[in-house]
């Protein structure tokens, strides 16, 4: 099941990233009455939106379609921006696997080192293609 309940998803994501979340929208994936994935969106400026992604399970194709449909189709974003600290290898690997591209590195911008800025453009997003849209329609 997919939920857009900010009050449910945002605190879960904040706990997973061990930080604070101030978001405008959120999407969570629920399995067996538990959140197993969450994405919060913030700083929509008419062209791009920031996303914070946390997972504790396997994301379904329908959920992947939903988390990219919202910014690219619903908002009309040109780009999604994700920031991750360089030492968070599991998040770096996840972003790479999803198709995000490393666009910038901000040296010493985090207590653990550099912040990496990953982006994905609408044109490069495979999750809004026909294969994933069908999964979203079924869900």
N, C-alpha and C. Protein backbone atom coordinates (compact mmCIF):
# COMPACT_ATOMS: atom_id res chain seq x y z
N UNK A 1 0.83 -1.17 0.00
CA UNK A 1 0.00 0.00 0.00
C UNK A 1 0.89 1.25 0.00
N UNK A 2 0.42 2.28 -0.66
CA UNK A 2 1.15 3.55 -0.73
C UNK A 2 0.32 4.60 0.01
N UNK A 3 0.98 5.38 0.85
CA UNK A 3 0.31 6.45 1.59
C UNK A 3 0.98 7.78 1.33
N UNK A 4 0.18 8.82 1.33
CA UNK A 4 0.69 10.18 1.21
C UNK A 4 0.55 10.96 2.51
N UNK A 5 0.40 10.25 3.62
CA UNK A 5 0.20 10.86 4.94
C UNK A 5 1.52 11.42 5.46
N UNK A 6 1.69 12.73 5.35
CA UNK A 6 2.92 13.39 5.79
C UNK A 6 3.18 13.13 7.27
N UNK A 7 2.15 13.17 8.09
CA UNK A 7 2.30 12.98 9.53
C UNK A 7 2.81 11.59 9.88
N UNK A 8 2.59 10.64 9.01
CA UNK A 8 3.08 9.27 9.22
C UNK A 8 4.46 9.06 8.61
N UNK A 9 4.65 9.53 7.38
CA UNK A 9 5.86 9.24 6.62
C UNK A 9 7.05 10.12 7.04
N UNK A 10 6.83 11.41 7.22
CA UNK A 10 7.94 12.32 7.52
C UNK A 10 8.69 11.95 8.80
N UNK A 11 8.00 11.66 9.91
CA UNK A 11 8.76 11.26 11.10
C UNK A 11 9.54 9.95 10.91
N UNK A 12 8.98 9.03 10.13
CA UNK A 12 9.66 7.77 9.86
C UNK A 12 10.96 8.02 9.10
N UNK A 13 10.88 8.85 8.06
CA UNK A 13 12.07 9.18 7.27
C UNK A 13 13.08 9.91 8.15
N UNK A 14 12.62 10.87 8.95
CA UNK A 14 13.52 11.62 9.83
C UNK A 14 14.27 10.69 10.78
N UNK A 15 13.55 9.70 11.31
CA UNK A 15 14.19 8.73 12.20
C UNK A 15 15.26 7.92 11.46
N UNK A 16 14.95 7.50 10.24
CA UNK A 16 15.90 6.70 9.47
C UNK A 16 17.15 7.47 9.09
N UNK A 17 17.01 8.75 8.79
CA UNK A 17 18.18 9.54 8.40
C UNK A 17 18.85 10.22 9.60
N UNK A 18 18.24 10.04 10.76
CA UNK A 18 18.75 10.63 12.00
C UNK A 18 18.90 12.14 11.86
N UNK A 19 17.84 12.75 11.33
CA UNK A 19 17.83 14.19 11.12
C UNK A 19 16.43 14.74 11.26
N UNK A 20 16.28 15.98 10.85
CA UNK A 20 14.97 16.63 10.89
C UNK A 20 14.43 16.74 9.49
N UNK A 21 13.12 16.69 9.39
CA UNK A 21 12.45 16.76 8.09
C UNK A 21 11.44 17.89 8.11
N UNK A 22 11.50 18.74 7.12
CA UNK A 22 10.49 19.77 6.89
C UNK A 22 10.06 19.56 5.45
N UNK A 23 8.87 19.01 5.26
CA UNK A 23 8.52 18.63 3.88
C UNK A 23 7.18 19.20 3.45
N UNK A 24 7.00 19.25 2.14
CA UNK A 24 5.76 19.72 1.54
C UNK A 24 4.87 18.56 1.12
N UNK A 25 5.47 17.39 0.89
CA UNK A 25 4.72 16.19 0.49
C UNK A 25 5.54 14.97 0.85
N UNK A 26 4.87 13.84 0.98
CA UNK A 26 5.57 12.60 1.32
C UNK A 26 4.80 11.41 0.76
N UNK A 27 5.53 10.37 0.42
CA UNK A 27 4.94 9.10 -0.01
C UNK A 27 5.64 7.97 0.72
N UNK A 28 4.85 7.09 1.29
CA UNK A 28 5.40 5.95 2.00
C UNK A 28 4.85 4.65 1.46
N UNK A 29 5.65 3.61 1.58
CA UNK A 29 5.21 2.26 1.21
C UNK A 29 5.00 1.48 2.50
N UNK A 30 3.82 0.90 2.64
CA UNK A 30 3.48 0.15 3.84
C UNK A 30 3.34 -1.32 3.48
N UNK A 31 3.94 -2.16 4.31
CA UNK A 31 3.85 -3.61 4.15
C UNK A 31 3.63 -4.20 5.54
N UNK A 32 2.64 -5.05 5.67
CA UNK A 32 2.31 -5.66 6.97
C UNK A 32 2.14 -4.60 8.05
N UNK A 33 1.43 -3.54 7.73
CA UNK A 33 1.11 -2.43 8.65
C UNK A 33 2.32 -1.62 9.11
N UNK A 34 3.46 -1.80 8.44
CA UNK A 34 4.67 -1.06 8.79
C UNK A 34 5.19 -0.29 7.57
N UNK A 35 5.70 0.91 7.80
CA UNK A 35 6.36 1.65 6.72
C UNK A 35 7.68 0.96 6.43
N UNK A 36 7.93 0.68 5.15
CA UNK A 36 9.22 0.08 4.78
C UNK A 36 10.02 0.97 3.84
N UNK A 37 9.38 2.05 3.36
CA UNK A 37 10.08 3.02 2.51
C UNK A 37 9.35 4.35 2.60
N UNK A 38 10.12 5.42 2.50
CA UNK A 38 9.52 6.74 2.54
C UNK A 38 10.34 7.74 1.75
N UNK A 39 9.62 8.64 1.10
CA UNK A 39 10.26 9.75 0.39
C UNK A 39 9.55 11.02 0.80
N UNK A 40 10.30 12.02 1.19
CA UNK A 40 9.72 13.33 1.47
C UNK A 40 10.27 14.33 0.46
N UNK A 41 9.40 15.25 0.08
CA UNK A 41 9.74 16.25 -0.94
C UNK A 41 9.69 17.63 -0.30
N UNK A 42 10.65 18.47 -0.67
CA UNK A 42 10.71 19.82 -0.12
C UNK A 42 11.38 20.74 -1.13
N UNK A 43 11.21 22.02 -0.91
CA UNK A 43 11.86 23.07 -1.70
C UNK A 43 11.52 23.02 -3.18
N UNK A 44 10.27 22.77 -3.50
CA UNK A 44 9.79 22.85 -4.88
C UNK A 44 9.89 24.30 -5.31
N UNK A 45 10.61 24.56 -6.41
CA UNK A 45 10.80 25.94 -6.86
C UNK A 45 10.25 26.21 -8.26
N UNK A 46 9.48 25.28 -8.79
CA UNK A 46 8.94 25.45 -10.13
C UNK A 46 9.74 24.73 -11.19
N UNK A 47 10.96 24.32 -10.87
CA UNK A 47 11.80 23.57 -11.82
C UNK A 47 12.37 22.30 -11.19
N UNK A 48 12.69 22.39 -9.90
CA UNK A 48 13.27 21.22 -9.23
C UNK A 48 12.67 21.06 -7.84
N UNK A 49 12.85 19.87 -7.30
CA UNK A 49 12.37 19.57 -5.95
C UNK A 49 13.42 18.70 -5.28
N UNK A 50 13.60 18.90 -3.97
CA UNK A 50 14.52 18.06 -3.21
C UNK A 50 13.76 16.85 -2.68
N UNK A 51 14.41 15.71 -2.68
CA UNK A 51 13.80 14.49 -2.16
C UNK A 51 14.76 13.85 -1.17
N UNK A 52 14.19 13.34 -0.08
CA UNK A 52 14.94 12.55 0.89
C UNK A 52 14.32 11.17 0.89
N UNK A 53 15.13 10.16 0.66
CA UNK A 53 14.65 8.78 0.50
C UNK A 53 15.22 7.92 1.63
N UNK A 54 14.34 7.13 2.24
CA UNK A 54 14.77 6.16 3.25
C UNK A 54 14.06 4.84 2.97
N UNK A 55 14.79 3.75 3.11
CA UNK A 55 14.17 2.44 2.90
C UNK A 55 14.60 1.46 3.99
N UNK A 56 13.68 0.53 4.28
CA UNK A 56 13.97 -0.53 5.24
C UNK A 56 13.35 -1.82 4.73
N UNK A 57 13.23 -1.92 3.42
CA UNK A 57 12.62 -3.10 2.79
C UNK A 57 12.78 -2.99 1.29
N UNK A 58 12.01 -3.75 0.56
CA UNK A 58 12.08 -3.75 -0.90
C UNK A 58 10.97 -2.87 -1.46
N UNK A 59 11.37 -1.89 -2.26
CA UNK A 59 10.39 -1.01 -2.89
C UNK A 59 9.74 -1.74 -4.06
N UNK A 60 8.41 -1.66 -4.13
CA UNK A 60 7.68 -2.29 -5.22
C UNK A 60 7.77 -1.42 -6.48
N UNK A 61 7.56 -2.02 -7.66
CA UNK A 61 7.51 -1.22 -8.88
C UNK A 61 6.44 -0.13 -8.82
N UNK A 62 5.30 -0.41 -8.20
CA UNK A 62 4.25 0.60 -8.07
C UNK A 62 4.72 1.77 -7.22
N UNK A 63 5.43 1.47 -6.14
CA UNK A 63 5.94 2.54 -5.28
C UNK A 63 7.00 3.36 -6.02
N UNK A 64 7.89 2.70 -6.73
CA UNK A 64 8.89 3.42 -7.53
C UNK A 64 8.21 4.34 -8.54
N UNK A 65 7.16 3.84 -9.19
CA UNK A 65 6.42 4.67 -10.14
C UNK A 65 5.82 5.87 -9.43
N UNK A 66 5.25 5.66 -8.26
CA UNK A 66 4.59 6.74 -7.52
C UNK A 66 5.58 7.83 -7.09
N UNK A 67 6.75 7.42 -6.57
CA UNK A 67 7.68 8.43 -6.04
C UNK A 67 8.32 9.28 -7.13
N UNK A 68 8.30 8.79 -8.37
CA UNK A 68 8.81 9.61 -9.47
C UNK A 68 7.67 10.28 -10.24
N UNK A 69 6.50 9.69 -10.21
CA UNK A 69 5.32 10.30 -10.85
C UNK A 69 4.99 11.63 -10.17
N UNK A 70 5.05 11.63 -8.85
CA UNK A 70 4.68 12.86 -8.11
C UNK A 70 5.51 14.06 -8.56
N UNK A 71 6.85 14.01 -8.50
CA UNK A 71 7.60 15.22 -8.90
C UNK A 71 7.58 15.49 -10.40
N UNK A 72 7.72 14.45 -11.21
CA UNK A 72 7.86 14.69 -12.65
C UNK A 72 6.53 14.92 -13.36
N UNK A 73 5.49 14.22 -12.99
CA UNK A 73 4.21 14.34 -13.68
C UNK A 73 3.28 15.31 -12.94
N UNK A 74 3.09 15.08 -11.65
CA UNK A 74 2.17 15.93 -10.89
C UNK A 74 2.69 17.36 -10.76
N UNK A 75 3.94 17.51 -10.31
CA UNK A 75 4.51 18.85 -10.15
C UNK A 75 5.01 19.44 -11.46
N UNK A 76 5.47 18.60 -12.36
CA UNK A 76 6.09 19.08 -13.59
C UNK A 76 7.55 19.44 -13.42
N UNK A 77 8.21 18.81 -12.45
CA UNK A 77 9.62 19.11 -12.18
C UNK A 77 10.51 18.69 -13.35
N UNK A 78 11.57 19.43 -13.55
CA UNK A 78 12.59 19.06 -14.52
C UNK A 78 13.66 18.19 -13.88
N UNK A 79 13.84 18.37 -12.54
CA UNK A 79 14.91 17.66 -11.84
C UNK A 79 14.52 17.37 -10.41
N UNK A 80 14.98 16.21 -9.93
CA UNK A 80 14.90 15.86 -8.51
C UNK A 80 16.33 15.94 -7.98
N UNK A 81 16.48 16.53 -6.81
CA UNK A 81 17.79 16.68 -6.18
C UNK A 81 17.80 15.90 -4.86
N UNK A 82 18.81 15.07 -4.68
CA UNK A 82 19.00 14.34 -3.42
C UNK A 82 20.40 14.64 -2.91
N UNK A 83 20.50 14.93 -1.63
CA UNK A 83 21.82 15.11 -1.05
C UNK A 83 22.10 13.99 -0.07
N UNK A 84 23.34 13.53 -0.08
CA UNK A 84 23.76 12.43 0.78
C UNK A 84 25.20 12.67 1.20
N UNK A 85 25.51 12.31 2.44
CA UNK A 85 26.89 12.45 2.89
C UNK A 85 27.72 11.34 2.25
N UNK A 86 28.94 11.65 1.90
CA UNK A 86 29.80 10.72 1.17
C UNK A 86 30.04 9.40 1.89
N UNK A 87 29.93 9.38 3.20
CA UNK A 87 30.17 8.15 3.96
C UNK A 87 28.95 7.21 3.98
N UNK A 88 27.81 7.67 3.50
CA UNK A 88 26.60 6.84 3.48
C UNK A 88 26.59 6.02 2.18
N UNK A 89 27.40 4.99 2.16
CA UNK A 89 27.62 4.20 0.96
C UNK A 89 26.33 3.51 0.49
N UNK A 90 25.50 3.04 1.42
CA UNK A 90 24.27 2.37 1.00
C UNK A 90 23.33 3.33 0.27
N UNK A 91 23.26 4.59 0.71
CA UNK A 91 22.43 5.57 0.01
C UNK A 91 23.04 5.96 -1.34
N UNK A 92 24.35 6.10 -1.37
CA UNK A 92 25.04 6.39 -2.64
C UNK A 92 24.74 5.27 -3.65
N UNK A 93 24.86 4.03 -3.20
CA UNK A 93 24.58 2.89 -4.08
C UNK A 93 23.12 2.87 -4.55
N UNK A 94 22.20 3.17 -3.64
CA UNK A 94 20.78 3.21 -4.00
C UNK A 94 20.51 4.27 -5.06
N UNK A 95 21.04 5.47 -4.85
CA UNK A 95 20.82 6.55 -5.83
C UNK A 95 21.41 6.18 -7.18
N UNK A 96 22.60 5.60 -7.18
CA UNK A 96 23.21 5.17 -8.44
C UNK A 96 22.36 4.11 -9.13
N UNK A 97 21.88 3.15 -8.36
CA UNK A 97 21.05 2.07 -8.92
C UNK A 97 19.75 2.61 -9.50
N UNK A 98 19.19 3.63 -8.86
CA UNK A 98 17.94 4.22 -9.35
C UNK A 98 18.15 5.07 -10.60
N UNK A 99 19.39 5.43 -10.87
CA UNK A 99 19.68 6.22 -12.06
C UNK A 99 20.01 7.68 -11.80
N UNK A 100 20.16 8.06 -10.55
CA UNK A 100 20.58 9.43 -10.24
C UNK A 100 22.03 9.60 -10.67
N UNK A 101 22.39 10.83 -10.98
CA UNK A 101 23.74 11.16 -11.40
C UNK A 101 24.38 12.11 -10.38
N UNK A 102 25.64 11.86 -10.04
CA UNK A 102 26.37 12.77 -9.15
C UNK A 102 26.61 14.06 -9.92
N UNK A 103 26.09 15.15 -9.40
CA UNK A 103 26.22 16.43 -10.10
C UNK A 103 27.18 17.38 -9.39
N UNK A 104 27.29 17.25 -8.06
CA UNK A 104 28.18 18.16 -7.34
C UNK A 104 28.63 17.53 -6.02
N UNK A 105 29.78 17.98 -5.55
CA UNK A 105 30.31 17.59 -4.26
C UNK A 105 30.64 18.87 -3.51
N UNK A 106 30.10 18.99 -2.30
CA UNK A 106 30.37 20.16 -1.49
C UNK A 106 31.28 19.71 -0.34
N UNK A 107 32.52 20.11 -0.42
CA UNK A 107 33.53 19.65 0.52
C UNK A 107 33.24 20.14 1.95
N UNK A 108 33.42 19.23 2.89
CA UNK A 108 33.31 19.53 4.33
C UNK A 108 31.99 20.20 4.71
N UNK A 109 30.90 19.84 4.05
CA UNK A 109 29.59 20.45 4.33
C UNK A 109 28.77 19.63 5.31
N UNK A 110 29.35 18.56 5.86
CA UNK A 110 28.67 17.68 6.80
C UNK A 110 29.68 17.25 7.85
N UNK A 111 29.24 17.00 9.08
CA UNK A 111 30.19 16.55 10.10
C UNK A 111 30.98 15.30 9.71
N UNK A 112 30.42 14.47 8.81
CA UNK A 112 31.11 13.24 8.39
C UNK A 112 31.89 13.40 7.08
N UNK A 113 31.90 14.59 6.52
CA UNK A 113 32.65 14.81 5.28
C UNK A 113 31.88 15.66 4.28
N UNK A 114 32.05 15.30 3.03
CA UNK A 114 31.44 16.07 1.95
C UNK A 114 29.99 15.67 1.71
N UNK A 115 29.19 16.63 1.24
CA UNK A 115 27.84 16.34 0.79
C UNK A 115 27.89 16.11 -0.71
N UNK A 116 27.22 15.06 -1.14
CA UNK A 116 27.13 14.76 -2.56
C UNK A 116 25.72 15.13 -3.03
N UNK A 117 25.64 15.84 -4.13
CA UNK A 117 24.34 16.21 -4.70
C UNK A 117 24.09 15.34 -5.93
N UNK A 118 23.10 14.51 -5.81
CA UNK A 118 22.68 13.64 -6.90
C UNK A 118 21.42 14.22 -7.51
N UNK A 119 21.30 14.13 -8.83
CA UNK A 119 20.10 14.62 -9.50
C UNK A 119 19.60 13.59 -10.51
N UNK A 120 18.32 13.72 -10.80
CA UNK A 120 17.73 12.94 -11.88
C UNK A 120 16.82 13.88 -12.67
N UNK A 121 16.97 13.86 -13.97
CA UNK A 121 16.09 14.65 -14.83
C UNK A 121 14.94 13.77 -15.30
N UNK A 122 13.86 14.40 -15.67
CA UNK A 122 12.68 13.68 -16.15
C UNK A 122 13.05 12.80 -17.34
N UNK A 123 13.87 13.31 -18.23
CA UNK A 123 14.25 12.58 -19.43
C UNK A 123 15.00 11.28 -19.13
N UNK A 124 15.69 11.24 -18.00
CA UNK A 124 16.50 10.08 -17.64
C UNK A 124 15.82 9.14 -16.64
N UNK A 125 14.55 9.39 -16.35
CA UNK A 125 13.85 8.59 -15.34
C UNK A 125 13.10 7.43 -15.99
N UNK A 126 13.56 6.22 -15.72
CA UNK A 126 12.90 5.05 -16.28
C UNK A 126 11.62 4.67 -15.54
N UNK A 127 11.41 5.24 -14.36
CA UNK A 127 10.27 4.87 -13.52
C UNK A 127 8.96 5.55 -13.92
N UNK A 128 9.01 6.46 -14.88
CA UNK A 128 7.77 7.07 -15.36
C UNK A 128 7.41 6.57 -16.75
N UNK A 129 8.13 5.56 -17.21
CA UNK A 129 7.83 4.93 -18.49
C UNK A 129 6.65 3.99 -18.38
N UNK A 130 6.23 3.47 -19.50
CA UNK A 130 5.02 2.65 -19.59
C UNK A 130 5.05 1.44 -18.64
N UNK A 131 6.18 0.78 -18.53
CA UNK A 131 6.29 -0.41 -17.68
C UNK A 131 5.91 -0.13 -16.23
N UNK A 132 6.40 0.99 -15.71
CA UNK A 132 6.12 1.33 -14.31
C UNK A 132 4.75 1.99 -14.14
N UNK A 133 4.32 2.75 -15.11
CA UNK A 133 3.00 3.39 -15.04
C UNK A 133 1.91 2.34 -14.94
N UNK A 134 2.06 1.22 -15.65
CA UNK A 134 1.08 0.14 -15.56
C UNK A 134 1.01 -0.41 -14.15
N UNK A 135 2.15 -0.53 -13.48
CA UNK A 135 2.18 -1.03 -12.09
C UNK A 135 1.47 -0.04 -11.17
N UNK A 136 1.64 1.25 -11.42
CA UNK A 136 1.00 2.27 -10.60
C UNK A 136 -0.51 2.23 -10.80
N UNK A 137 -0.95 2.03 -12.02
CA UNK A 137 -2.39 1.97 -12.29
C UNK A 137 -3.04 0.77 -11.61
N UNK A 138 -2.33 -0.34 -11.55
CA UNK A 138 -2.85 -1.54 -10.88
C UNK A 138 -2.96 -1.31 -9.38
N UNK A 139 -1.94 -0.64 -8.81
CA UNK A 139 -1.92 -0.38 -7.37
C UNK A 139 -3.02 0.60 -7.00
